[in-house]
């Protein structure tokens, strides 16, 4: 599987482990807190309680008192049948806490809670401390490259405090780093579920759901069925362009023949023979292209069914992400693309319409990137809408204007194409492709004189074509890279070229 662009790096999960419970004060004995009103009820357990108290308060006898408490508690539970006494398990948990045995403490405290539920809150304070300590040990093991040890410790940390999702996020990151993506998916999902409602972990929850979606998306996009469908789509697009061009030529030939017939004009026998051969060849080509288009349509329908099956997990994961975070533009764009590849363009449009309800929360760049991606998958109408919204926030994005004008041409939307193309050449007046878009917009409106004016400008009178390839910041300001192409066979006349840099409000900076 190729590298997956996860929303956060796997090791960023380690930063989460810094958030946890504060440690209880050392050198201090804390008796059970109300309502944990258990009493030892047995003389050996009274002795163990005193041993633990002395161990907490006096470092000089700590080790001896702890060993003595352990021996007394084990004998009480095993030999003296105190296994139903919650105090025996409670103080055994306190012993394990004191010696840093988190697994032992978890087991002992679980037995104590089952026998004395009123002690759950008191025990939770020790569980939180143990969980933080265990998380820290797990993080150290992970950083040292001991993944198996780290995974076991993270699981223990979560078992100690199941309401704390941090160890689950860490486990997901650990498995993602090891490219064990099935395990990573499981823990990302568990972490997202455990973090639901926790505002402090909202961003981490979003990242977890996004990472699940991206893993499934990567699997879908590299599946042979999807790749075959993409190849079929590319063949369809190429054939449509060829068919449109050949059909236009045939139409012009037919119109020319009809015109001559009306005027009773005749070609020379040689010209007529050549015209007939060309007409027949073009008509045959159009017929073959139409047959090929029909065959590709059948192939595409079959491929779409296979793509739907392959893409089902990715679609479900993206729907889960959007259900939790309905303004996630990247997720909406991916989901719309998946639906389009699956032969369900109406669902793709519906998904995108739903996320645009939250457009006021979205950045211009997010909308523009989404629009360009949607256009690339053939979703022209939602792609145009996204670009239009993005340009409303940033009206000076030249490439966005270019793609939007082309989208309007595909939609045959003359009302919107012309002003968009005019905005484009106002920003970029010496670009040949931009001028041709203005010509195409006038052609859509049926204005032949204006069309001819801009076609002539693009093909005959434009002295040089300027293409801006990049604008990037550096330490001194910005670096602009552009290419000037002479459109004439002879040398062009020297001229001065100036660029205006616009500020946020559109004024020249």
Foldseek 3Di string as FASTA:
>chain_A
DDDFDFPDALCVLLVVLVDFDDDDDFLADDDQDPPQPADLPDVLLVQLSVLLRCLRNDVVCNVVSLVSSLVSLVCCVPVVVCLLRLSSLCSQLVSCLVVLNLVSNLVSVVSSCVNPVRRVVVSLNSLRNSLSVLQVVLSVCVVVVNLVSSLVSLVSSCSSPVLDLSSLSSNLSSCVVVVVNVSNLVSLVSSLVSCVPPPVCLVVNLSSLRRQLRVLLVQLCPDPLLVVLVVLVVVLVVLVVVLVVLVVVLVVLVVVVVVCVVVVHDDDPVVVVVSVVVNVVSVVVNVVSVVVNVVSVVVNLVSLCVSCVSCVSSLVSLVVSCVSVVQPLVSLLSNLLSCLSSVNNVVNVVSLVSNCVVVVVDALVSLLVSLVSCVVSVNLPSSLVSLVSSCVQVVQPLVSLLSNLVSCLVVLPLVPNQVSLVSNCVQVVLALSSLQSNLSSVVSVVNNVSNVVSVCCSQPVRQWHKDWDDWAADPVGIDTDIDIGGNDPDDGDDDDDDHFDADSVRDGD
